[in-house]
Amino acid sequence: MGSRRNESWLEGRRSFDGFLQGLAIVPFWEYMKILVPLTIVLLFAFSREYSMSVGSERAKFLTAEAAVIQAGIRRVEQGNEIATGDLFFFGDLARELIDTDTELVPSSVQSVSAFLRYRPSYQQVQFINAEGREFLRAENTSDGPRIAGPNELQDTSGFDYFTGAMRLKPGEVFVSPIDAEVEGGTIAWPYRPVVRLAAPIDGTAGQRRGIVVLNAHGGHFLREFVQDSQVNGIQRMVVNSEGYWVQHRPKLETGLVLELGRSFQDSFPEIWPQLQAKPRGWVEAPEGRFYFDTVTPPPVASVPGGSVEDLPNWIFISWVPLRVLDEISVRAATPLLLLATPLFFTCLAIGCLAAVARNRQKLADEALKSAQEIKNVMMVAALDGIVVMDRKGITLEFNPSAQEIFGYSLEEARGKLVADLIIPEEHREAHRVGLEHFLETGAGRIIDKHVDELTAVRKNGEEFPVELTVCPVMASGELFFYGFLRDLSVAGREKVKADLEADPIPRALRG
């Protein structure tokens, strides 16, 4: 029966060895209590690092794209400055021809032809008199510079660039909006954008003698900006003040010439007003992000001492589609995921180990609690008196049977010397010497032995015989002594017999 009882006490609390055996009995919620906080910390750290990495990568990317826009604008400004200087050079030649009031000087014509040969970005140069009649027109063709014959010279008095330039002050420049190149009176195909720059020609006496016109290929200024268009998914484009594409894709650029089909403002009606509201910046849209800057060709600073009148604007735009921004986010997230994945599995392992350790501690605490309960039951149920003292001989426990035998309550006995409570006065010194001897040598006359016919004393001073067994116990690094005493007096034996006959079930095990 004792064997069966021992097995029943251990049921459900069997010890286990190894991680897997420990993991098998870890409660799910115990595991989640550890894993969830670890996962939250990991996710927070990952999200913070991801946000910083994405922000940094996007900032680098978009800063580089803004630099591309600025480089494109600088090329346009430099090109316009060069074109303006060339325009003034042609103006000096035209003034020389007008002042000589003779037929065209061959050297001047040769100078114009030679100049055009080394400026393939110029379509043509026109020298026009005060009545609007051309008296020299040189064109850049596929075969080289060509001087128009007398019968090819035209009357330009009705064109806006003539009337506009004739109203300018000396040193000022008229710049037309970008238009299509015209060959033989018709729009050339494929479409090539042209910008007309015109400056007045004054004689030596200050009278207005005509104008000089320089037609420059607009694409020459803009091509380098858009030539890498759609690299990495970015689309770069240039639009004019009316929202027509000046440089982008040929099918879209024709809208500027034909004034039909798609334009930027038609394709992006919500973006266009925001681009017009300020000269530079960026606009966030469902389609992505639009970075833009505005240039007015040529800049006023390129006209010494002059001011530019009614100059058209070009808007340089870099369209970064949402897909490209998402790809940046993915690139930033990839190394973080490679780092976070093993960290997450490490958290899983740490959570398992911590849960196993916590479960083991819980089981150990339960075992300790059970052992304490068992000890309490034994202390209460025992018919023998049980007295527990420490290495100094101070009473720690005094079970109910001991209280009945000696007449002390637990409160009266606890904290007092055992020798002063239950050992006759004449034997107390021997008890003290024996305790010191055991503490020094580990040997004692009555330790771990069953001793009969010792004399003890009750609270009322009555001495009586007892049977004694003393067991030393080491617990938590401390030494304790458990004394088991049985009252051998006639009254004591009769009481035990009467208790058993009246109630054979120990009181600690009842109900």
Protein backbone atom coordinates (compact mmCIF):
# COMPACT_ATOMS: atom_id res chain seq x y z
CA MET A 1 0.00 0.00 0.00
CA GLY A 2 2.86 2.32 0.84
CA SER A 3 4.35 1.69 -2.59
CA ARG A 4 1.08 2.49 -4.35
CA ARG A 5 0.68 5.65 -2.28
CA ASN A 6 4.20 6.81 -3.24
CA GLU A 7 3.48 6.27 -6.94
CA SER A 8 0.23 8.24 -6.72
CA TRP A 9 2.04 11.20 -5.17
CA LEU A 10 4.50 11.33 -8.12
CA GLU A 11 1.88 10.94 -10.83
CA GLY A 12 1.80 13.98 -13.15
CA ARG A 13 5.02 15.37 -11.68
CA ARG A 14 7.56 12.98 -13.15
CA SER A 15 10.92 14.52 -13.89
CA PHE A 16 11.99 14.97 -17.51
CA ASP A 17 15.34 15.25 -19.23
CA GLY A 18 16.26 16.96 -22.49
CA PHE A 19 14.90 19.95 -24.36
CA LEU A 20 12.34 18.06 -26.48
CA GLN A 21 10.84 16.33 -23.45
CA GLY A 22 10.59 19.70 -21.72
CA LEU A 23 9.12 21.33 -24.82
CA ALA A 24 6.47 18.65 -25.11
CA ILE A 25 4.91 19.67 -21.82
CA VAL A 26 5.19 23.47 -22.20
CA PRO A 27 1.68 24.99 -22.10
CA PHE A 28 0.82 26.97 -25.25
CA TRP A 29 -0.20 30.15 -23.44
CA GLU A 30 2.92 30.04 -21.30
CA TYR A 31 4.95 29.96 -24.48
CA MET A 32 2.93 32.80 -26.05
CA LYS A 33 3.44 35.02 -23.00
CA ILE A 34 7.15 34.97 -23.76
CA LEU A 35 7.08 34.87 -27.57
CA VAL A 36 4.59 37.70 -28.14
CA PRO A 37 6.61 40.41 -26.31
CA LEU A 38 9.81 39.27 -28.05
CA THR A 39 8.05 39.38 -31.42
CA ILE A 40 6.62 42.85 -30.72
CA VAL A 41 10.07 44.18 -29.83
CA LEU A 42 11.53 42.61 -32.98
CA LEU A 43 8.76 44.03 -35.18
CA PHE A 44 9.15 47.47 -33.66
CA ALA A 45 12.91 47.44 -34.22
CA PHE A 46 12.45 46.12 -37.77
CA SER A 47 9.77 48.71 -38.61
CA ARG A 48 11.89 51.56 -37.25
CA GLU A 49 14.99 50.44 -39.13
CA TYR A 50 12.92 49.80 -42.28
CA SER A 51 11.41 53.27 -42.14
CA MET A 52 14.82 54.87 -41.67
CA SER A 53 16.40 52.78 -44.45
CA VAL A 54 13.58 53.46 -46.91
CA GLY A 55 13.65 57.16 -46.08
CA SER A 56 17.42 57.28 -46.55
CA GLU A 57 17.36 55.33 -49.83
CA ARG A 58 14.50 57.40 -51.22
CA ALA A 59 16.24 60.61 -50.19
CA LYS A 60 19.43 59.54 -51.98
CA PHE A 61 17.50 58.49 -55.05
CA LEU A 62 15.38 61.61 -55.25
CA THR A 63 18.32 63.89 -54.47
CA ALA A 64 20.16 62.36 -57.40
CA GLU A 65 17.10 62.90 -59.62
CA ALA A 66 16.83 66.52 -58.50
CA ALA A 67 20.49 66.90 -59.44
CA VAL A 68 19.68 65.55 -62.93
CA ILE A 69 17.01 68.24 -63.32
CA GLN A 70 19.45 70.93 -62.23
CA ALA A 71 22.08 69.62 -64.64
CA GLY A 72 19.53 69.72 -67.48
CA ILE A 73 18.60 73.28 -66.62
CA ARG A 74 22.25 74.32 -66.49
CA ARG A 75 22.81 72.84 -69.95
CA VAL A 76 19.85 74.81 -71.26
CA GLU A 77 21.08 77.99 -69.63
CA GLN A 78 24.59 77.47 -70.98
CA GLY A 79 23.22 76.69 -74.43
CA ASN A 80 21.06 79.79 -74.36
CA GLU A 81 23.97 81.93 -73.22
CA ILE A 82 26.06 80.63 -76.11
CA ALA A 83 23.18 81.14 -78.54
CA THR A 84 22.65 84.68 -77.27
CA GLY A 85 26.33 85.49 -77.75
CA ASP A 86 26.22 84.03 -81.28
CA LEU A 87 23.09 86.09 -81.98
CA PHE A 88 24.95 89.28 -81.08
CA PHE A 89 27.85 88.16 -83.28
CA PHE A 90 25.49 87.77 -86.25
CA GLY A 91 23.99 91.13 -85.33
CA ASP A 92 27.41 92.77 -85.73
CA LEU A 93 27.81 91.16 -89.17
CA ALA A 94 24.33 92.31 -90.20
CA ARG A 95 25.04 95.86 -88.99
CA GLU A 96 28.25 95.90 -91.05
CA LEU A 97 26.33 94.85 -94.15
CA ILE A 98 23.60 97.42 -93.54
CA ASP A 99 26.07 100.22 -92.85
CA THR A 100 28.03 99.52 -96.06
CA ASP A 101 24.74 99.80 -97.94
CA THR A 102 26.16 97.54 -100.63
CA GLU A 103 25.55 94.09 -101.92
CA LEU A 104 26.36 91.18 -99.64
CA VAL A 105 30.04 91.06 -98.83
CA PRO A 106 31.39 87.58 -99.73
CA SER A 107 33.57 87.49 -96.65
CA SER A 108 30.54 88.03 -94.44
CA VAL A 109 28.60 85.31 -96.21
CA GLN A 110 31.55 82.95 -95.83
CA SER A 111 31.76 83.80 -92.13
CA VAL A 112 28.08 82.92 -91.65
CA SER A 113 28.49 79.64 -93.56
CA ALA A 114 31.60 78.69 -91.63
CA PHE A 115 29.91 79.52 -88.34
CA LEU A 116 26.91 77.33 -89.12
CA ARG A 117 29.18 74.48 -90.11
CA TYR A 118 30.53 74.40 -86.59
CA ARG A 119 27.13 74.95 -84.97
CA PRO A 120 25.00 72.02 -86.14
CA SER A 121 22.46 72.88 -83.45
CA TYR A 122 21.45 76.01 -85.42
CA GLN A 123 18.89 75.50 -88.17
CA GLN A 124 19.21 78.89 -89.85
CA VAL A 125 20.24 82.53 -89.55
CA GLN A 126 18.20 85.42 -90.99
CA PHE A 127 19.26 89.00 -91.59
CA ILE A 128 16.10 91.11 -91.99
CA ASN A 129 15.85 94.79 -92.82
CA ALA A 130 13.56 97.34 -91.20
CA GLU A 131 10.77 96.59 -93.70
CA GLY A 132 10.73 92.92 -92.73
CA ARG A 133 12.46 91.66 -95.85
CA GLU A 134 15.20 89.07 -95.61
CA PHE A 135 18.47 90.14 -97.18
CA LEU A 136 20.39 87.06 -96.01
CA ARG A 137 19.28 83.59 -94.94
CA ALA A 138 21.70 80.78 -94.28
CA GLU A 139 20.46 77.25 -93.47
CA ASN A 140 22.10 74.16 -92.07
CA THR A 141 21.18 71.19 -94.26
CA SER A 142 22.26 67.58 -94.35
CA ASP A 143 24.75 68.59 -97.08
CA GLY A 144 26.15 71.49 -95.07
CA PRO A 145 25.44 75.23 -94.82
CA ARG A 146 23.42 76.73 -97.67
CA ILE A 147 22.83 80.39 -98.57
CA ALA A 148 19.33 81.11 -99.88
CA GLY A 149 19.14 82.67 -103.31
CA PRO A 150 17.62 86.12 -103.97
CA ASN A 151 14.37 84.56 -105.18
CA GLU A 152 14.04 82.53 -101.95
CA LEU A 153 14.20 85.48 -99.59
CA GLN A 154 10.90 86.12 -97.83
CA ASP A 155 8.86 88.92 -96.33
CA THR A 156 8.67 88.31 -92.53
CA SER A 157 6.95 91.56 -91.56
CA GLY A 158 3.83 89.69 -90.47
CA PHE A 159 5.58 87.28 -88.09
CA ASP A 160 5.53 87.85 -84.36
CA TYR A 161 9.26 87.44 -83.97
CA PHE A 162 9.82 90.41 -86.36
CA THR A 163 7.32 92.73 -84.72
CA GLY A 164 8.45 91.66 -81.26
CA ALA A 165 12.15 92.15 -81.92
CA MET A 166 11.62 95.52 -83.62
CA ARG A 167 10.11 96.83 -80.35
CA LEU A 168 13.10 95.80 -78.21
CA LYS A 169 15.73 98.09 -76.86
CA PRO A 170 19.35 97.62 -77.87
CA GLY A 171 20.84 94.58 -76.11
CA GLU A 172 17.46 92.90 -75.53
CA VAL A 173 16.54 89.52 -77.01
CA PHE A 174 13.23 88.19 -78.27
CA VAL A 175 12.68 84.46 -77.64
CA SER A 176 9.79 82.69 -79.31
CA PRO A 177 7.95 79.74 -77.86
CA ILE A 178 9.22 76.38 -79.08
CA ASP A 179 7.75 75.68 -82.49
CA ALA A 180 8.17 73.11 -85.23
CA GLU A 181 10.94 73.35 -87.78
CA VAL A 182 9.62 74.45 -91.17
CA GLU A 183 11.09 73.34 -94.48
CA GLY A 184 9.74 74.82 -97.70
CA GLY A 185 6.82 76.37 -95.90
CA THR A 186 5.65 73.11 -94.32
CA ILE A 187 6.36 71.45 -90.97
CA ALA A 188 9.36 69.17 -91.23
CA TRP A 189 8.92 65.51 -90.32
CA PRO A 190 10.03 63.94 -88.10
CA TYR A 191 9.06 66.77 -85.81
CA ARG A 192 11.98 68.86 -84.54
CA PRO A 193 11.39 71.66 -82.02
CA VAL A 194 12.84 75.05 -82.89
CA VAL A 195 13.46 78.13 -80.74
CA ARG A 196 13.81 81.50 -82.47
CA LEU A 197 16.03 84.15 -80.91
CA ALA A 198 15.89 87.64 -82.40
CA ALA A 199 17.70 90.89 -81.61
CA PRO A 200 17.35 94.38 -83.12
CA ILE A 201 20.00 95.91 -85.40
CA ASP A 202 20.68 99.61 -85.01
CA GLY A 203 22.81 101.74 -87.27
CA THR A 204 25.69 103.93 -86.19
CA ALA A 205 23.31 106.80 -85.71
CA GLY A 206 21.05 104.74 -83.48
CA GLN A 207 18.27 104.28 -86.00
CA ARG A 208 16.52 100.87 -86.13
CA ARG A 209 17.78 99.14 -89.27
CA GLY A 210 16.32 95.65 -88.90
CA ILE A 211 16.74 92.44 -86.89
CA VAL A 212 18.82 89.29 -86.85
CA VAL A 213 17.15 85.92 -86.20
CA LEU A 214 18.78 82.68 -85.07
CA ASN A 215 16.74 79.48 -85.24
CA ALA A 216 18.13 76.85 -82.84
CA HIS A 217 17.03 73.24 -82.51
CA GLY A 218 15.29 73.07 -79.14
CA GLY A 219 16.02 69.38 -78.88
CA HIS A 220 19.72 70.14 -78.79
CA PHE A 221 19.27 71.85 -75.43
CA LEU A 222 16.88 69.26 -74.02
CA ARG A 223 17.97 65.95 -75.50
CA GLU A 224 20.61 65.20 -72.90
CA PHE A 225 18.05 65.63 -70.12
CA VAL A 226 15.58 63.12 -71.53
CA GLN A 227 17.97 60.75 -73.31
CA ASP A 228 18.11 58.56 -70.20
CA SER A 229 14.34 58.69 -69.86
CA GLN A 230 12.74 55.52 -68.51
CA VAL A 231 16.09 54.30 -67.20
CA ASN A 232 15.19 52.57 -63.92
CA GLY A 233 11.57 53.35 -64.74
CA ILE A 234 11.97 57.14 -64.43
CA GLN A 235 10.39 59.31 -67.10
CA ARG A 236 11.96 62.69 -67.79
CA MET A 237 10.19 65.28 -69.86
CA VAL A 238 10.02 68.97 -70.68
CA VAL A 239 6.74 70.82 -71.15
CA ASN A 240 6.05 74.42 -72.09
CA SER A 241 3.87 77.00 -70.40
CA GLU A 242 0.74 75.67 -72.12
CA GLY A 243 1.32 72.14 -70.89
CA TYR A 244 2.44 70.63 -74.21
CA TRP A 245 5.35 68.23 -74.29
CA VAL A 246 8.42 69.89 -75.73
CA GLN A 247 10.65 66.87 -75.20
CA HIS A 248 9.45 63.43 -74.18
CA ARG A 249 8.31 60.90 -76.77
CA PRO A 250 7.75 61.79 -80.45
CA LYS A 251 4.07 60.84 -80.51
CA LEU A 252 3.42 63.07 -77.52
CA GLU A 253 5.56 65.96 -78.72
CA THR A 254 3.42 66.34 -81.86
CA GLY A 255 0.63 67.67 -79.68
CA LEU A 256 2.59 70.90 -79.43
CA VAL A 257 2.54 71.32 -83.21
CA LEU A 258 -0.91 70.09 -84.05
CA GLU A 259 -2.53 71.42 -80.86
CA LEU A 260 -4.53 68.25 -80.61
CA GLY A 261 -4.11 64.86 -79.06
CA ARG A 262 -2.68 64.47 -75.61
CA SER A 263 -0.79 67.06 -73.62
CA PHE A 264 0.65 66.90 -70.12
CA GLN A 265 -2.20 68.91 -68.68
CA ASP A 266 -4.72 66.56 -70.33
CA SER A 267 -2.93 63.45 -69.13
CA PHE A 268 -2.36 64.73 -65.58
CA PRO A 269 -5.11 67.29 -64.91
CA GLU A 270 -4.63 67.16 -61.14
CA ILE A 271 -0.84 67.59 -61.34
CA TRP A 272 -0.68 70.43 -63.86
CA PRO A 273 -2.18 73.20 -61.63
CA GLN A 274 0.30 72.34 -58.88
CA LEU A 275 3.21 72.62 -61.32
CA GLN A 276 2.00 76.07 -62.35
CA ALA A 277 1.53 77.24 -58.75
CA LYS A 278 5.25 77.35 -57.91
CA PRO A 279 8.50 77.36 -59.90
CA ARG A 280 9.99 74.22 -58.41
CA GLY A 281 9.30 71.41 -55.95
CA TRP A 282 7.58 68.05 -56.02
CA VAL A 283 4.03 66.74 -56.15
CA GLU A 284 2.80 63.48 -54.65
CA ALA A 285 0.16 61.67 -56.71
CA PRO A 286 -1.30 58.16 -57.08
CA GLU A 287 0.86 57.80 -60.19
CA GLY A 288 4.05 58.47 -58.21
CA ARG A 289 6.08 61.56 -57.43
CA PHE A 290 6.71 64.42 -59.83
CA TYR A 291 9.86 66.51 -59.31
CA PHE A 292 10.00 69.70 -61.35
CA ASP A 293 11.87 72.94 -61.91
CA THR A 294 11.16 75.86 -64.23
CA VAL A 295 13.58 77.67 -66.52
CA THR A 296 12.97 80.80 -68.58
CA PRO A 297 15.28 80.76 -71.61
CA PRO A 298 17.45 82.69 -71.89
CA PRO A 299 17.98 83.96 -68.34
CA VAL A 300 18.00 87.73 -67.91
CA ALA A 301 21.56 87.59 -66.61
CA SER A 302 22.74 86.49 -70.07
CA VAL A 303 21.63 89.79 -71.58
CA PRO A 304 24.11 92.41 -70.37
CA GLY A 305 22.25 95.38 -69.01
CA GLY A 306 18.99 94.27 -70.60
CA SER A 307 15.64 92.79 -69.58
CA VAL A 308 13.79 89.97 -71.29
CA GLU A 309 10.21 90.53 -72.36
CA ASP A 310 7.46 87.89 -72.43
CA LEU A 311 9.75 84.88 -72.24
CA PRO A 312 8.12 81.41 -72.38
CA ASN A 313 8.76 78.93 -69.58
CA TRP A 314 10.04 75.39 -69.84
CA ILE A 315 9.21 73.01 -67.03
CA PHE A 316 11.66 70.16 -66.48
CA ILE A 317 9.89 67.17 -64.93
CA SER A 318 11.12 63.87 -63.52
CA TRP A 319 8.27 61.46 -63.00
CA VAL A 320 9.17 58.72 -60.53
CA PRO A 321 6.35 56.14 -60.77
CA LEU A 322 5.02 54.54 -57.63
CA ARG A 323 6.44 51.22 -58.83
CA VAL A 324 9.96 52.65 -58.71
CA LEU A 325 9.43 53.94 -55.17
CA ASP A 326 8.11 50.50 -54.18
CA GLU A 327 11.21 48.88 -55.66
CA ILE A 328 13.33 51.16 -53.51
CA SER A 329 11.34 50.02 -50.48
CA VAL A 330 11.85 46.37 -51.45
CA ARG A 331 15.59 46.88 -51.90
CA ALA A 332 15.79 48.52 -48.50
CA ALA A 333 13.71 45.77 -46.88
CA THR A 334 15.62 42.83 -48.37
CA PRO A 335 18.76 43.01 -46.17
CA LEU A 336 16.58 43.72 -43.14
CA LEU A 337 14.49 40.63 -43.87
CA LEU A 338 17.66 38.56 -44.24
CA LEU A 339 18.67 39.79 -40.80
CA ALA A 340 15.22 39.63 -39.23
CA THR A 341 14.47 36.04 -40.32
CA PRO A 342 17.22 34.37 -38.23
CA LEU A 343 16.48 36.81 -35.42
CA PHE A 344 12.84 35.73 -35.44
CA PHE A 345 13.79 32.07 -35.29
CA THR A 346 16.20 32.95 -32.51
CA CYS A 347 13.26 34.53 -30.68
CA LEU A 348 11.31 31.31 -31.22
CA ALA A 349 14.16 29.32 -29.70
CA ILE A 350 14.61 31.79 -26.84
CA GLY A 351 10.86 31.70 -26.23
CA CYS A 352 10.93 27.90 -26.12
CA LEU A 353 13.91 27.80 -23.78
CA ALA A 354 12.42 30.46 -21.53
CA ALA A 355 9.05 28.71 -21.52
CA VAL A 356 10.71 25.39 -20.68
CA ALA A 357 12.72 27.04 -17.91
CA ARG A 358 9.64 28.78 -16.57
CA ASN A 359 7.66 25.55 -16.72
CA ARG A 360 10.42 23.68 -14.93
CA GLN A 361 10.47 26.38 -12.27
CA LYS A 362 6.71 26.16 -12.02
CA LEU A 363 6.89 22.40 -11.58
CA ALA A 364 9.67 22.82 -9.05
CA ASP A 365 7.61 25.37 -7.16
CA GLU A 366 4.63 23.02 -7.25
CA ALA A 367 6.82 20.18 -6.02
CA LEU A 368 8.16 22.36 -3.25
CA LYS A 369 4.66 23.42 -2.35
CA SER A 370 3.55 19.79 -2.36
CA ALA A 371 6.51 18.84 -0.22
CA GLN A 372 5.63 21.62 2.17
CA GLU A 373 2.03 20.44 2.26
CA ILE A 374 3.19 16.87 2.87
CA LYS A 375 5.47 18.08 5.63
CA ASN A 376 2.61 20.01 7.20
CA VAL A 377 0.37 16.95 6.98
CA MET A 378 3.04 14.80 8.57
CA MET A 379 3.61 17.35 11.30
CA VAL A 380 -0.09 17.51 12.10
CA ALA A 381 -0.90 13.83 11.65
CA ALA A 382 2.04 12.40 13.56
CA LEU A 383 1.15 10.84 16.92
CA ASP A 384 4.72 11.41 18.00
CA GLY A 385 5.94 14.82 19.02
CA ILE A 386 8.09 16.50 16.34
CA VAL A 387 10.43 19.31 17.31
CA VAL A 388 12.60 21.14 14.72
CA MET A 389 15.54 23.27 15.75
CA ASP A 390 18.39 25.04 13.94
CA ARG A 391 22.11 24.64 14.53
CA LYS A 392 21.91 27.09 17.47
CA GLY A 393 19.33 24.93 19.22
CA ILE A 394 16.47 27.42 18.64
CA THR A 395 13.01 25.94 18.18
CA LEU A 396 11.51 26.39 14.69
CA GLU A 397 8.60 23.94 14.62
CA PHE A 398 6.54 22.34 17.41
CA ASN A 399 3.83 20.00 16.07
CA PRO A 400 0.42 19.48 17.74
CA SER A 401 1.49 16.19 19.36
CA ALA A 402 4.55 17.90 20.88
CA GLN A 403 2.29 20.68 22.11
CA GLU A 404 0.06 18.12 23.86
CA ILE A 405 2.99 16.21 25.28
CA PHE A 406 4.91 19.19 26.66
CA GLY A 407 2.09 21.67 27.27
CA TYR A 408 3.52 24.53 25.15
CA SER A 409 1.70 26.21 22.30
CA LEU A 410 3.55 26.81 19.01
CA GLU A 411 3.80 30.53 19.75
CA GLU A 412 5.30 29.81 23.17
CA ALA A 413 7.83 27.33 21.85
CA ARG A 414 8.99 28.99 18.60
CA GLY A 415 12.16 31.03 19.00
CA LYS A 416 13.11 29.49 22.35
CA LEU A 417 16.00 27.14 23.03
CA VAL A 418 14.87 23.52 22.86
CA ALA A 419 17.03 22.76 25.92
CA ASP A 420 15.12 25.30 27.98
CA LEU A 421 11.75 23.85 26.93
CA ILE A 422 11.96 20.07 27.14
CA ILE A 423 15.36 19.03 28.59
CA PRO A 424 15.73 18.75 32.38
CA GLU A 425 18.08 21.36 33.79
CA GLU A 426 20.73 18.84 34.84
CA HIS A 427 21.07 17.58 31.21
CA ARG A 428 21.12 20.91 29.40
CA GLU A 429 24.87 21.39 29.54
CA ALA A 430 25.40 17.89 28.15
CA HIS A 431 22.96 18.79 25.33
CA ARG A 432 24.89 21.99 24.54
CA VAL A 433 28.27 20.17 24.51
CA GLY A 434 26.89 17.35 22.35
CA LEU A 435 25.47 19.84 19.81
CA GLU A 436 28.81 21.67 19.55
CA HIS A 437 30.64 18.37 19.17
CA PHE A 438 28.39 17.33 16.31
CA LEU A 439 28.77 20.66 14.53
CA GLU A 440 32.57 20.34 14.73
CA THR A 441 32.97 16.62 13.94
CA GLY A 442 29.71 15.48 12.38
CA ALA A 443 29.38 12.71 15.03
CA GLY A 444 27.03 12.56 17.97
CA ARG A 445 25.90 10.09 20.62
CA ILE A 446 22.20 10.29 19.79
CA ILE A 447 22.25 11.65 16.21
CA ASP A 448 20.57 9.34 13.70
CA LYS A 449 19.95 6.81 16.47
CA HIS A 450 16.87 5.48 18.22
CA VAL A 451 17.29 6.15 21.96
CA ASP A 452 14.95 4.81 24.64
CA GLU A 453 14.33 5.94 28.17
CA LEU A 454 15.53 9.53 27.98
CA THR A 455 14.09 12.00 30.43
CA ALA A 456 12.16 15.06 29.30
CA VAL A 457 10.32 17.76 31.19
CA ARG A 458 6.89 19.27 30.64
CA LYS A 459 5.91 22.90 30.97
CA ASN A 460 4.58 22.22 34.48
CA GLY A 461 7.99 20.82 35.49
CA GLU A 462 6.96 17.16 35.43
CA GLU A 463 9.72 14.88 34.21
CA PHE A 464 8.81 11.79 32.21
CA PRO A 465 10.48 9.16 30.01
CA VAL A 466 10.56 9.60 26.23
CA GLU A 467 11.77 7.71 23.21
CA LEU A 468 13.89 9.96 20.89
CA THR A 469 15.27 9.95 17.36
CA VAL A 470 17.23 12.99 16.07
CA CYS A 471 17.82 13.42 12.32
CA PRO A 472 20.03 16.21 10.91
CA VAL A 473 18.70 17.67 7.63
CA MET A 474 20.56 20.01 5.25
CA ALA A 475 18.16 22.30 3.30
CA SER A 476 19.03 25.41 1.26
CA GLY A 477 22.51 25.38 2.76
CA GLU A 478 21.23 25.39 6.33
CA LEU A 479 21.44 22.60 8.91
CA PHE A 480 18.29 21.63 10.79
CA PHE A 481 17.62 18.95 13.42
CA TYR A 482 14.34 17.03 13.46
CA GLY A 483 13.57 15.39 16.79
CA PHE A 484 10.88 12.68 17.00
CA LEU A 485 9.71 12.04 20.59
CA ARG A 486 7.27 9.51 21.99
CA ASP A 487 5.80 9.84 25.49
CA LEU A 488 6.64 6.60 27.33
CA SER A 489 4.83 7.56 30.53
CA VAL A 490 1.74 5.57 31.49
CA ALA A 491 -0.45 8.57 30.88
CA GLY A 492 1.14 9.14 27.50
CA ARG A 493 0.66 5.57 26.35
CA GLU A 494 -2.92 5.48 27.50
CA LYS A 495 -3.68 8.69 25.65
CA VAL A 496 -2.25 7.39 22.37
CA LYS A 497 -4.26 4.18 22.79
CA ALA A 498 -7.42 6.10 23.53
CA ASP A 499 -6.92 8.38 20.51
CA LEU A 500 -6.48 5.44 18.16
CA GLU A 501 -9.52 3.64 19.51
CA ALA A 502 -11.65 6.76 19.26
CA ASP A 503 -10.47 7.78 15.76
CA PRO A 504 -8.08 5.55 13.85
CA ILE A 505 -7.83 8.17 10.98
CA PRO A 506 -5.13 10.74 11.68
CA ARG A 507 -6.66 14.18 12.11
CA ALA A 508 -4.63 15.69 9.25
CA LEU A 509 -6.20 13.28 6.77
CA ARG A 510 -9.83 13.90 7.74
CA GLY A 511 -12.48 15.36 5.42
